[in-house]
PDB file of N, CA and C in Angstrom:
ATOM      1  N   PRO A   1     -17.911 -24.116  -2.654  1.00  0.00           N
ATOM      2  CA  PRO A   1     -18.939 -25.038  -3.139  1.00  0.00           C
ATOM      3  C   PRO A   1     -18.468 -25.744  -4.415  1.00  0.00           C
ATOM      4  N   PRO A   2     -18.949 -26.977  -4.644  1.00  0.00           N
ATOM      5  CA  PRO A   2     -18.530 -27.720  -5.845  1.00  0.00           C
ATOM      6  C   PRO A   2     -19.119 -27.079  -7.099  1.00  0.00           C
ATOM      7  N   PRO A   3     -18.410 -27.230  -8.221  1.00  0.00           N
ATOM      8  CA  PRO A   3     -18.919 -26.645  -9.460  1.00  0.00           C
ATOM      9  C   PRO A   3     -20.185 -27.378  -9.919  1.00  0.00           C
ATOM     10  N   PRO A   4     -21.070 -26.690 -10.620  1.00  0.00           N
ATOM     11  CA  PRO A   4     -22.297 -27.347 -11.095  1.00  0.00           C
ATOM     12  C   PRO A   4     -21.954 -28.415 -12.141  1.00  0.00           C
ATOM     13  N   PRO A   5     -22.789 -29.451 -12.228  1.00  0.00           N
ATOM     14  CA  PRO A   5     -22.523 -30.498 -13.227  1.00  0.00           C
ATOM     15  C   PRO A   5     -22.677 -29.926 -14.636  1.00  0.00           C
ATOM     16  N   PRO A   6     -21.921 -30.489 -15.594  1.00  0.00           N
ATOM     17  CA  PRO A   6     -22.035 -29.983 -16.963  1.00  0.00           C
ATOM     18  C   PRO A   6     -23.431 -30.254 -17.526  1.00  0.00           C
ATOM     19  N   ALA A   7     -23.857 -29.392 -18.414  1.00  0.00           N
ATOM     20  CA  ALA A   7     -25.182 -29.534 -19.034  1.00  0.00           C
ATOM     21  C   ALA A   7     -25.181 -30.766 -19.933  1.00  0.00           C
ATOM     22  N   ALA A   8     -26.328 -31.452 -19.967  1.00  0.00           N
ATOM     23  CA  ALA A   8     -26.462 -32.632 -20.821  1.00  0.00           C
ATOM     24  C   ALA A   8     -26.391 -32.206 -22.279  1.00  0.00           C
ATOM     25  N   SER A   9     -25.680 -32.999 -23.051  1.00  0.00           N
ATOM     26  CA  SER A   9     -25.496 -32.687 -24.468  1.00  0.00           C
ATOM     27  C   SER A   9     -26.047 -33.819 -25.310  1.00  0.00           C
ATOM     28  N   SER A  10     -26.464 -33.493 -26.526  1.00  0.00           N
ATOM     29  CA  SER A  10     -26.951 -34.526 -27.434  1.00  0.00           C
ATOM     30  C   SER A  10     -25.796 -35.250 -28.101  1.00  0.00           C
ATOM     31  N   ARG A  11     -24.595 -34.775 -27.883  1.00  0.00           N
ATOM     32  CA  ARG A  11     -23.424 -35.426 -28.475  1.00  0.00           C
ATOM     33  C   ARG A  11     -22.796 -36.369 -27.451  1.00  0.00           C
ATOM     34  N   VAL A  12     -22.307 -37.486 -27.965  1.00  0.00           N
ATOM     35  CA  VAL A  12     -21.704 -38.497 -27.117  1.00  0.00           C
ATOM     36  C   VAL A  12     -20.216 -38.552 -27.420  1.00  0.00           C
ATOM     37  N   ARG A  13     -19.412 -38.590 -26.382  1.00  0.00           N
ATOM     38  CA  ARG A  13     -17.970 -38.677 -26.581  1.00  0.00           C
ATOM     39  C   ARG A  13     -17.550 -40.136 -26.641  1.00  0.00           C
ATOM     40  N   HIS A  14     -16.736 -40.439 -27.651  1.00  0.00           N
ATOM     41  CA  HIS A  14     -16.149 -41.767 -27.759  1.00  0.00           C
ATOM     42  C   HIS A  14     -15.015 -41.828 -26.752  1.00  0.00           C
ATOM     43  N   PRO A  15     -14.822 -42.951 -26.035  1.00  0.00           N
ATOM     44  CA  PRO A  15     -13.804 -42.984 -24.995  1.00  0.00           C
ATOM     45  C   PRO A  15     -12.381 -42.737 -25.505  1.00  0.00           C
ATOM     46  N   HIS A  16     -12.104 -43.009 -26.775  1.00  0.00           N
ATOM     47  CA  HIS A  16     -10.759 -42.848 -27.310  1.00  0.00           C
ATOM     48  C   HIS A  16     -10.643 -41.648 -28.231  1.00  0.00           C
ATOM     49  N   SER A  17     -11.611 -40.787 -28.217  1.00  0.00           N
ATOM     50  CA  SER A  17     -11.614 -39.636 -29.109  1.00  0.00           C
ATOM     51  C   SER A  17     -11.683 -38.359 -28.283  1.00  0.00           C
ATOM     52  N   SER A  18     -10.989 -37.323 -28.783  1.00  0.00           N
ATOM     53  CA  SER A  18     -11.040 -36.058 -28.063  1.00  0.00           C
ATOM     54  C   SER A  18     -12.162 -35.165 -28.565  1.00  0.00           C
ATOM     55  N   SER A  19     -12.688 -35.454 -29.757  1.00  0.00           N
ATOM     56  CA  SER A  19     -13.768 -34.623 -30.286  1.00  0.00           C
ATOM     57  C   SER A  19     -15.099 -35.339 -30.118  1.00  0.00           C
ATOM     58  N   PRO A  20     -16.139 -34.594 -29.820  1.00  0.00           N
ATOM     59  CA  PRO A  20     -17.449 -35.237 -29.665  1.00  0.00           C
ATOM     60  C   PRO A  20     -17.966 -35.713 -31.019  1.00  0.00           C
ATOM     61  N   SER A  21     -18.714 -36.802 -30.984  1.00  0.00           N
ATOM     62  CA  SER A  21     -19.318 -37.315 -32.215  1.00  0.00           C
ATOM     63  C   SER A  21     -20.818 -37.420 -32.014  1.00  0.00           C
ATOM     64  N   PRO A  22     -21.577 -37.239 -33.076  1.00  0.00           N
ATOM     65  CA  PRO A  22     -23.032 -37.373 -32.950  1.00  0.00           C
ATOM     66  C   PRO A  22     -23.396 -38.797 -32.547  1.00  0.00           C
ATOM     67  N   SER A  23     -24.500 -38.921 -31.876  1.00  0.00           N
ATOM     68  CA  SER A  23     -24.925 -40.251 -31.449  1.00  0.00           C
ATOM     69  C   SER A  23     -25.253 -41.098 -32.676  1.00  0.00           C
ATOM     70  N   SER A  24     -25.129 -42.423 -32.531  1.00  0.00           N
ATOM     71  CA  SER A  24     -25.332 -43.320 -33.663  1.00  0.00           C
ATOM     72  C   SER A  24     -26.774 -43.287 -34.146  1.00  0.00           C
ATOM     73  N   SER A  25     -27.718 -42.921 -33.266  1.00  0.00           N
ATOM     74  CA  SER A  25     -29.109 -42.892 -33.706  1.00  0.00           C
ATOM     75  C   SER A  25     -29.366 -41.735 -34.665  1.00  0.00           C
ATOM     76  N   SER A  26     -28.621 -40.651 -34.525  1.00  0.00           N
ATOM     77  CA  SER A  26     -28.859 -39.523 -35.417  1.00  0.00           C
ATOM     78  C   SER A  26     -28.173 -39.704 -36.763  1.00  0.00           C
ATOM     79  N   MET A  27     -27.107 -40.500 -36.809  1.00  0.00           N
ATOM     80  CA  MET A  27     -26.393 -40.704 -38.067  1.00  0.00           C
ATOM     81  C   MET A  27     -26.829 -41.968 -38.787  1.00  0.00           C
ATOM     82  N   GLY A  28     -27.348 -42.947 -38.078  1.00  0.00           N
ATOM     83  CA  GLY A  28     -27.743 -44.198 -38.702  1.00  0.00           C
ATOM     84  C   GLY A  28     -26.545 -45.055 -39.080  1.00  0.00           C
ATOM     85  N   VAL A  29     -25.450 -44.934 -38.357  1.00  0.00           N
ATOM     86  CA  VAL A  29     -24.247 -45.696 -38.642  1.00  0.00           C
ATOM     87  C   VAL A  29     -24.387 -47.082 -38.038  1.00  0.00           C
ATOM     88  N   GLU A  30     -23.984 -48.081 -38.808  1.00  0.00           N
ATOM     89  CA  GLU A  30     -24.078 -49.452 -38.342  1.00  0.00           C
ATOM     90  C   GLU A  30     -22.713 -50.101 -38.462  1.00  0.00           C
ATOM     91  N   ILE A  31     -22.253 -50.740 -37.395  1.00  0.00           N
ATOM     92  CA  ILE A  31     -20.966 -51.424 -37.405  1.00  0.00           C
ATOM     93  C   ILE A  31     -21.205 -52.873 -37.787  1.00  0.00           C
ATOM     94  N   SER A  32     -20.427 -53.363 -38.755  1.00  0.00           N
ATOM     95  CA  SER A  32     -20.607 -54.710 -39.256  1.00  0.00           C
ATOM     96  C   SER A  32     -19.324 -55.509 -39.088  1.00  0.00           C
ATOM     97  N   ILE A  33     -19.445 -56.760 -38.648  1.00  0.00           N
ATOM     98  CA  ILE A  33     -18.266 -57.603 -38.514  1.00  0.00           C
ATOM     99  C   ILE A  33     -17.887 -58.241 -39.849  1.00  0.00           C
ATOM    100  N   THR A  34     -18.714 -58.095 -40.865  1.00  0.00           N
ATOM    101  CA  THR A  34     -18.422 -58.695 -42.160  1.00  0.00           C
ATOM    102  C   THR A  34     -17.644 -57.756 -43.065  1.00  0.00           C
ATOM    103  N   GLY A  35     -17.243 -56.623 -42.578  1.00  0.00           N
ATOM    104  CA  GLY A  35     -16.429 -55.716 -43.357  1.00  0.00           C
ATOM    105  C   GLY A  35     -17.166 -55.058 -44.502  1.00  0.00           C
ATOM    106  N   GLY A  36     -18.460 -54.834 -44.358  1.00  0.00           N
ATOM    107  CA  GLY A  36     -19.217 -54.171 -45.407  1.00  0.00           C
ATOM    108  C   GLY A  36     -19.814 -55.112 -46.431  1.00  0.00           C
ATOM    109  N   PHE A  37     -19.590 -56.416 -46.285  1.00  0.00           N
ATOM    110  CA  PHE A  37     -20.127 -57.378 -47.241  1.00  0.00           C
ATOM    111  C   PHE A  37     -21.357 -58.095 -46.706  1.00  0.00           C
ATOM    112  N   GLY A  38     -21.968 -57.565 -45.656  1.00  0.00           N
ATOM    113  CA  GLY A  38     -23.127 -58.205 -45.047  1.00  0.00           C
ATOM    114  C   GLY A  38     -24.287 -58.361 -46.004  1.00  0.00           C
ATOM    115  N   GLY A  39     -24.529 -57.361 -46.827  1.00  0.00           N
ATOM    116  CA  GLY A  39     -25.625 -57.445 -47.788  1.00  0.00           C
ATOM    117  C   GLY A  39     -25.380 -58.481 -48.858  1.00  0.00           C
ATOM    118  N   ILE A  40     -24.153 -58.559 -49.335  1.00  0.00           N
ATOM    119  CA  ILE A  40     -23.815 -59.529 -50.383  1.00  0.00           C
ATOM    120  C   ILE A  40     -23.877 -60.946 -49.821  1.00  0.00           C
ATOM    121  N   ILE A  41     -23.325 -61.144 -48.625  1.00  0.00           N
ATOM    122  CA  ILE A  41     -23.341 -62.473 -48.012  1.00  0.00           C
ATOM    123  C   ILE A  41     -24.774 -62.887 -47.683  1.00  0.00           C
ATOM    124  N   GLY A  42     -25.569 -61.959 -47.178  1.00  0.00           N
ATOM    125  CA  GLY A  42     -26.966 -62.258 -46.887  1.00  0.00           C
ATOM    126  C   GLY A  42     -27.745 -62.639 -48.132  1.00  0.00           C
ATOM    127  N   PHE A  43     -27.492 -61.923 -49.230  1.00  0.00           N
ATOM    128  CA  PHE A  43     -28.173 -62.233 -50.491  1.00  0.00           C
ATOM    129  C   PHE A  43     -27.739 -63.604 -51.009  1.00  0.00           C
ATOM    130  N   LEU A  44     -26.461 -63.938 -50.870  1.00  0.00           N
ATOM    131  CA  LEU A  44     -25.970 -65.246 -51.302  1.00  0.00           C
ATOM    132  C   LEU A  44     -26.610 -66.358 -50.488  1.00  0.00           C
ATOM    133  N   ILE A  45     -26.704 -66.181 -49.186  1.00  0.00           N
ATOM    134  CA  ILE A  45     -27.358 -67.175 -48.321  1.00  0.00           C
ATOM    135  C   ILE A  45     -28.829 -67.319 -48.705  1.00  0.00           C
ATOM    136  N   PHE A  46     -29.492 -66.195 -48.975  1.00  0.00           N
ATOM    137  CA  PHE A  46     -30.895 -66.230 -49.393  1.00  0.00           C
ATOM    138  C   PHE A  46     -31.050 -67.039 -50.683  1.00  0.00           C
ATOM    139  N   CYS A  47     -30.190 -66.794 -51.672  1.00  0.00           N
ATOM    140  CA  CYS A  47     -30.275 -67.515 -52.948  1.00  0.00           C
ATOM    141  C   CYS A  47     -30.030 -69.010 -52.761  1.00  0.00           C
ATOM    142  N   LEU A  48     -29.057 -69.380 -51.931  1.00  0.00           N
ATOM    143  CA  LEU A  48     -28.792 -70.798 -51.669  1.00  0.00           C
ATOM    144  C   LEU A  48     -29.967 -71.456 -50.957  1.00  0.00           C
ATOM    145  N   ASP A  49     -30.605 -70.731 -50.037  1.00  0.00           N
ATOM    146  CA  ASP A  49     -31.765 -71.282 -49.346  1.00  0.00           C
ATOM    147  C   ASP A  49     -32.948 -71.465 -50.295  1.00  0.00           C
ATOM    148  N   VAL A  50     -33.153 -70.522 -51.194  1.00  0.00           N
ATOM    149  CA  VAL A  50     -34.229 -70.666 -52.187  1.00  0.00           C
ATOM    150  C   VAL A  50     -33.961 -71.886 -53.056  1.00  0.00           C
ATOM    151  N   TYR A  51     -32.704 -72.078 -53.478  1.00  0.00           N
ATOM    152  CA  TYR A  51     -32.328 -73.247 -54.270  1.00  0.00           C
ATOM    153  C   TYR A  51     -32.627 -74.533 -53.496  1.00  0.00           C
ATOM    154  N   ALA A  52     -32.260 -74.559 -52.217  1.00  0.00           N
ATOM    155  CA  ALA A  52     -32.510 -75.748 -51.396  1.00  0.00           C
ATOM    156  C   ALA A  52     -34.010 -76.008 -51.261  1.00  0.00           C
ATOM    157  N   ILE A  53     -34.789 -74.963 -51.022  1.00  0.00           N
ATOM    158  CA  ILE A  53     -36.236 -75.135 -50.847  1.00  0.00           C
ATOM    159  C   ILE A  53     -36.880 -75.645 -52.137  1.00  0.00           C
ATOM    160  N   ILE A  54     -36.452 -75.140 -53.271  1.00  0.00           N
ATOM    161  CA  ILE A  54     -36.988 -75.637 -54.545  1.00  0.00           C
ATOM    162  C   ILE A  54     -36.665 -77.115 -54.711  1.00  0.00           C
ATOM    163  N   ASN A  55     -35.442 -77.509 -54.382  1.00  0.00           N
ATOM    164  CA  ASN A  55     -35.065 -78.918 -54.479  1.00  0.00           C
ATOM    165  C   ASN A  55     -35.841 -79.773 -53.499  1.00  0.00           C
ATOM    166  N   ILE A  56     -36.095 -79.270 -52.315  1.00  0.00           N
ATOM    167  CA  ILE A  56     -36.859 -80.033 -51.322  1.00  0.00           C
ATOM    168  C   ILE A  56     -38.293 -80.231 -51.802  1.00  0.00           C
ATOM    169  N   VAL A  57     -38.913 -79.162 -52.271  1.00  0.00           N
ATOM    170  CA  VAL A  57     -40.319 -79.234 -52.685  1.00  0.00           C
ATOM    171  C   VAL A  57     -40.496 -80.155 -53.890  1.00  0.00           C
ATOM    172  N   THR A  58     -39.524 -80.208 -54.785  1.00  0.00           N
ATOM    173  CA  THR A  58     -39.656 -81.049 -55.977  1.00  0.00           C
ATOM    174  C   THR A  58     -39.089 -82.451 -55.778  1.00  0.00           C
ATOM    175  N   SER A  59     -38.717 -82.803 -54.549  1.00  0.00           N
ATOM    176  CA  SER A  59     -38.195 -84.143 -54.280  1.00  0.00           C
ATOM    177  C   SER A  59     -39.349 -85.130 -54.133  1.00  0.00           C
ATOM    178  N   ARG A  60     -39.009 -86.396 -53.986  1.00  0.00           N
ATOM    179  CA  ARG A  60     -40.032 -87.443 -53.839  1.00  0.00           C
ATOM    180  C   ARG A  60     -40.353 -87.743 -52.380  1.00  0.00           C
ATOM    181  N   GLU A  61     -39.932 -86.912 -51.478  1.00  0.00           N
ATOM    182  CA  GLU A  61     -40.218 -87.125 -50.055  1.00  0.00           C
ATOM    183  C   GLU A  61     -41.713 -86.928 -49.790  1.00  0.00           C
ATOM    184  N   THR A  62     -42.137 -87.397 -48.620  1.00  0.00           N
ATOM    185  CA  THR A  62     -43.530 -87.198 -48.212  1.00  0.00           C
ATOM    186  C   THR A  62     -43.745 -85.718 -47.890  1.00  0.00           C
ATOM    187  N   ALA A  63     -44.993 -85.309 -47.848  1.00  0.00           N
ATOM    188  CA  ALA A  63     -45.316 -83.907 -47.564  1.00  0.00           C
ATOM    189  C   ALA A  63     -44.813 -83.494 -46.184  1.00  0.00           C
ATOM    190  N   CYS A  64     -44.914 -84.392 -45.222  1.00  0.00           N
ATOM    191  CA  CYS A  64     -44.447 -84.086 -43.868  1.00  0.00           C
ATOM    192  C   CYS A  64     -42.928 -83.890 -43.852  1.00  0.00           C
ATOM    193  N   ALA A  65     -42.200 -84.753 -44.534  1.00  0.00           N
ATOM    194  CA  ALA A  65     -40.739 -84.629 -44.589  1.00  0.00           C
ATOM    195  C   ALA A  65     -40.337 -83.338 -45.304  1.00  0.00           C
ATOM    196  N   LYS A  66     -41.044 -83.012 -46.387  1.00  0.00           N
ATOM    197  CA  LYS A  66     -40.755 -81.762 -47.103  1.00  0.00           C
ATOM    198  C   LYS A  66     -40.964 -80.556 -46.197  1.00  0.00           C
ATOM    199  N   LEU A  67     -42.069 -80.577 -45.448  1.00  0.00           N
ATOM    200  CA  LEU A  67     -42.371 -79.474 -44.541  1.00  0.00           C
ATOM    201  C   LEU A  67     -41.271 -79.308 -43.490  1.00  0.00           C
ATOM    202  N   LEU A  68     -40.833 -80.405 -42.920  1.00  0.00           N
ATOM    203  CA  LEU A  68     -39.788 -80.343 -41.900  1.00  0.00           C
ATOM    204  C   LEU A  68     -38.474 -79.822 -42.485  1.00  0.00           C
ATOM    205  N   TRP A  69     -38.114 -80.267 -43.682  1.00  0.00           N
ATOM    206  CA  TRP A  69     -36.885 -79.791 -44.321  1.00  0.00           C
ATOM    207  C   TRP A  69     -36.977 -78.301 -44.639  1.00  0.00           C
ATOM    208  N   VAL A  70     -38.114 -77.882 -45.163  1.00  0.00           N
ATOM    209  CA  VAL A  70     -38.277 -76.457 -45.494  1.00  0.00           C
ATOM    210  C   VAL A  70     -38.206 -75.607 -44.232  1.00  0.00           C
ATOM    211  N   LEU A  71     -38.842 -76.039 -43.162  1.00  0.00           N
ATOM    212  CA  LEU A  71     -38.786 -75.288 -41.900  1.00  0.00           C
ATOM    213  C   LEU A  71     -37.360 -75.221 -41.362  1.00  0.00           C
ATOM    214  N   LEU A  72     -36.606 -76.315 -41.506  1.00  0.00           N
ATOM    215  CA  LEU A  72     -35.211 -76.308 -41.067  1.00  0.00           C
ATOM    216  C   LEU A  72     -34.404 -75.260 -41.830  1.00  0.00           C
ATOM    217  N   VAL A  73     -34.591 -75.206 -43.137  1.00  0.00           N
ATOM    218  CA  VAL A  73     -33.845 -74.241 -43.955  1.00  0.00           C
ATOM    219  C   VAL A  73     -34.301 -72.812 -43.675  1.00  0.00           C
ATOM    220  N   ILE A  74     -35.589 -72.614 -43.419  1.00  0.00           N
ATOM    221  CA  ILE A  74     -36.094 -71.254 -43.162  1.00  0.00           C
ATOM    222  C   ILE A  74     -35.630 -70.737 -41.799  1.00  0.00           C
ATOM    223  N   PHE A  75     -35.740 -71.561 -40.757  1.00  0.00           N
ATOM    224  CA  PHE A  75     -35.419 -71.086 -39.417  1.00  0.00           C
ATOM    225  C   PHE A  75     -33.923 -71.084 -39.105  1.00  0.00           C
ATOM    226  N   PHE A  76     -33.154 -71.911 -39.801  1.00  0.00           N
ATOM    227  CA  PHE A  76     -31.697 -71.959 -39.625  1.00  0.00           C
ATOM    228  C   PHE A  76     -31.056 -71.884 -41.009  1.00  0.00           C
ATOM    229  N   PRO A  77     -31.010 -70.692 -41.615  1.00  0.00           N
ATOM    230  CA  PRO A  77     -30.606 -70.573 -43.019  1.00  0.00           C
ATOM    231  C   PRO A  77     -29.241 -71.178 -43.346  1.00  0.00           C
ATOM    232  N   ILE A  78     -28.228 -70.903 -42.568  1.00  0.00           N
ATOM    233  CA  ILE A  78     -26.895 -71.403 -42.911  1.00  0.00           C
ATOM    234  C   ILE A  78     -26.760 -72.869 -42.521  1.00  0.00           C
ATOM    235  N   LEU A  79     -27.062 -73.180 -41.268  1.00  0.00           N
ATOM    236  CA  LEU A  79     -26.948 -74.556 -40.797  1.00  0.00           C
ATOM    237  C   LEU A  79     -27.929 -75.474 -41.530  1.00  0.00           C
ATOM    238  N   GLY A  80     -29.148 -75.000 -41.744  1.00  0.00           N
ATOM    239  CA  GLY A  80     -30.137 -75.799 -42.467  1.00  0.00           C
ATOM    240  C   GLY A  80     -29.698 -76.118 -43.881  1.00  0.00           C
ATOM    241  N   PHE A  81     -29.091 -75.135 -44.561  1.00  0.00           N
ATOM    242  CA  PHE A  81     -28.604 -75.378 -45.921  1.00  0.00           C
ATOM    243  C   PHE A  81     -27.469 -76.398 -45.914  1.00  0.00           C
ATOM    244  N   ILE A  82     -26.561 -76.281 -44.954  1.00  0.00           N
ATOM    245  CA  ILE A  82     -25.430 -77.221 -44.892  1.00  0.00           C
ATOM    246  C   ILE A  82     -25.925 -78.637 -44.612  1.00  0.00           C
ATOM    247  N   ILE A  83     -26.878 -78.775 -43.691  1.00  0.00           N
ATOM    248  CA  ILE A  83     -27.429 -80.099 -43.390  1.00  0.00           C
ATOM    249  C   ILE A  83     -28.153 -80.650 -44.612  1.00  0.00           C
ATOM    250  N   TRP A  84     -28.951 -79.806 -45.281  1.00  0.00           N
ATOM    251  CA  TRP A  84     -29.648 -80.256 -46.489  1.00  0.00           C
ATOM    252  C   TRP A  84     -28.655 -80.677 -47.561  1.00  0.00           C
ATOM    253  N   LEU A  85     -27.571 -79.916 -47.712  1.00  0.00           N
ATOM    254  CA  LEU A  85     -26.567 -80.218 -48.724  1.00  0.00           C
ATOM    255  C   LEU A  85     -25.925 -81.575 -48.463  1.00  0.00           C
ATOM    256  N   CYS A  86     -25.740 -81.927 -47.192  1.00  0.00           N
ATOM    257  CA  CYS A  86     -25.102 -83.202 -46.843  1.00  0.00           C
ATOM    258  C   CYS A  86     -26.065 -84.387 -46.914  1.00  0.00           C
ATOM    259  N   ILE A  87     -27.270 -84.245 -46.359  1.00  0.00           N
ATOM    260  CA  ILE A  87     -28.150 -85.418 -46.231  1.00  0.00           C
ATOM    261  C   ILE A  87     -29.579 -85.180 -46.697  1.00  0.00           C
ATOM    262  N   GLY A  88     -29.882 -84.015 -47.219  1.00  0.00           N
ATOM    263  CA  GLY A  88     -31.264 -83.688 -47.556  1.00  0.00           C
ATOM    264  C   GLY A  88     -31.751 -84.306 -48.857  1.00  0.00           C
ATOM    265  N   PRO A  89     -33.066 -84.251 -49.051  1.00  0.00           N
ATOM    266  CA  PRO A  89     -33.654 -84.801 -50.286  1.00  0.00           C
ATOM    267  C   PRO A  89     -33.329 -83.914 -51.484  1.00  0.00           C
ATOM    268  N   ARG A  90     -33.111 -84.544 -52.614  1.00  0.00           N
ATOM    269  CA  ARG A  90     -32.811 -83.820 -53.849  1.00  0.00           C
ATOM    270  C   ARG A  90     -34.014 -83.876 -54.786  1.00  0.00           C
ATOM    271  N   ALA A  91     -34.053 -82.928 -55.689  1.00  0.00           N
ATOM    272  CA  ALA A  91     -35.135 -82.876 -56.673  1.00  0.00           C
ATOM    273  C   ALA A  91     -34.979 -84.023 -57.659  1.00  0.00           C
ATOM    274  N   THR A  92     -36.090 -84.473 -58.184  1.00  0.00           N
ATOM    275  CA  THR A  92     -36.047 -85.472 -59.245  1.00  0.00           C
ATOM    276  C   THR A  92     -35.787 -84.740 -60.551  1.00  0.00           C
ATOM    277  N   THR A  93     -35.018 -85.340 -61.407  1.00  0.00           N
ATOM    278  CA  THR A  93     -34.666 -84.679 -62.663  1.00  0.00           C
ATOM    279  C   THR A  93     -35.084 -85.538 -63.841  1.00  0.00           C
ATOM    280  N   GLY A  94     -35.231 -84.892 -64.955  1.00  0.00           N
ATOM    281  CA  GLY A  94     -35.568 -85.592 -66.188  1.00  0.00           C
ATOM    282  C   GLY A  94     -37.056 -85.864 -66.324  1.00  0.00           C
ATOM    283  N   PRO A  95     -37.473 -86.203 -67.528  1.00  0.00           N
ATOM    284  CA  PRO A  95     -38.888 -86.518 -67.759  1.00  0.00           C
ATOM    285  C   PRO A  95     -39.304 -87.779 -67.013  1.00  0.00           C
ATOM    286  N   LYS A  96     -40.575 -87.871 -66.702  1.00  0.00           N
ATOM    287  CA  LYS A  96     -41.084 -89.002 -65.926  1.00  0.00           C
ATOM    288  C   LYS A  96     -40.900 -90.327 -66.644  1.00  0.00           C
ATOM    289  N   TYR A  97     -41.003 -90.338 -67.962  1.00  0.00           N
ATOM    290  CA  TYR A  97     -40.905 -91.604 -68.680  1.00  0.00           C
ATOM    291  C   TYR A  97     -39.480 -92.140 -68.721  1.00  0.00           C
ATOM    292  N   LEU A  98     -38.472 -91.343 -68.378  1.00  0.00           N
ATOM    293  CA  LEU A  98     -37.088 -91.817 -68.354  1.00  0.00           C
ATOM    294  C   LEU A  98     -36.660 -92.278 -66.968  1.00  0.00           C
ATOM    295  N   ARG A  99     -37.440 -91.976 -65.958  1.00  0.00           N
ATOM    296  CA  ARG A  99     -37.088 -92.379 -64.610  1.00  0.00           C
ATOM    297  C   ARG A  99     -37.404 -93.850 -64.383  1.00  0.00           C
ATOM    298  N   ALA A 100     -36.594 -94.490 -63.584  1.00  0.00           N
ATOM    299  CA  ALA A 100     -36.865 -95.881 -63.250  1.00  0.00           C
ATOM    300  C   ALA A 100     -38.107 -95.946 -62.356  1.00  0.00           C
ATOM    301  N   PRO A 101     -38.971 -96.901 -62.579  1.00  0.00           N
ATOM    302  CA  PRO A 101     -40.168 -97.001 -61.733  1.00  0.00           C
ATOM    303  C   PRO A 101     -39.780 -97.403 -60.312  1.00  0.00           C
ATOM    304  N   LEU A 102     -40.573 -96.964 -59.354  1.00  0.00           N
ATOM    305  CA  LEU A 102     -40.335 -97.326 -57.971  1.00  0.00           C
ATOM    306  C   LEU A 102     -40.722 -98.789 -57.764  1.00  0.00           C
ATOM    307  N   LEU A 103     -39.857 -99.526 -57.121  1.00  0.00           N
ATOM    308  CA  LEU A 103     -40.150-100.938 -56.854  1.00  0.00           C
ATOM    309  C   LEU A 103     -41.000-101.029 -55.599  1.00  0.00           C
ATOM    310  N   LYS A 104     -42.088-101.715 -55.704  1.00  0.00           N
ATOM    311  CA  LYS A 104     -42.974-101.883 -54.553  1.00  0.00           C
ATOM    312  C   LYS A 104     -42.928-103.336 -54.132  1.00  0.00           C
ATOM    313  N   ALA A 105     -42.659-103.554 -52.862  1.00  0.00           N
ATOM    314  CA  ALA A 105     -42.560-104.933 -52.373  1.00  0.00           C
ATOM    315  C   ALA A 105     -43.880-105.408 -51.844  1.00  0.00           C
TER     316      ALA A 105
END
């Protein structure tokens, strides 16, 4: 008769390892493609997005345009920031009395 199947174990064998290793759920190990800098890069992206949103909100664009720009940066943090950096609205700077008045035709 064939031998009985081995008993189920809570340990999982890695295909290239001879020793069993605990499952990833019990250790909480996370593999990152950023080489351990995921938190730093994420924080940097967050700070750049906050900077972009502040500049968008303080720009002279209409409320609808501001809303669309902010949503772009929120939903697509990296791409939205790059697009804003290239063509997005910038904040107005300096006191109001030093700014040139808007010409109305």
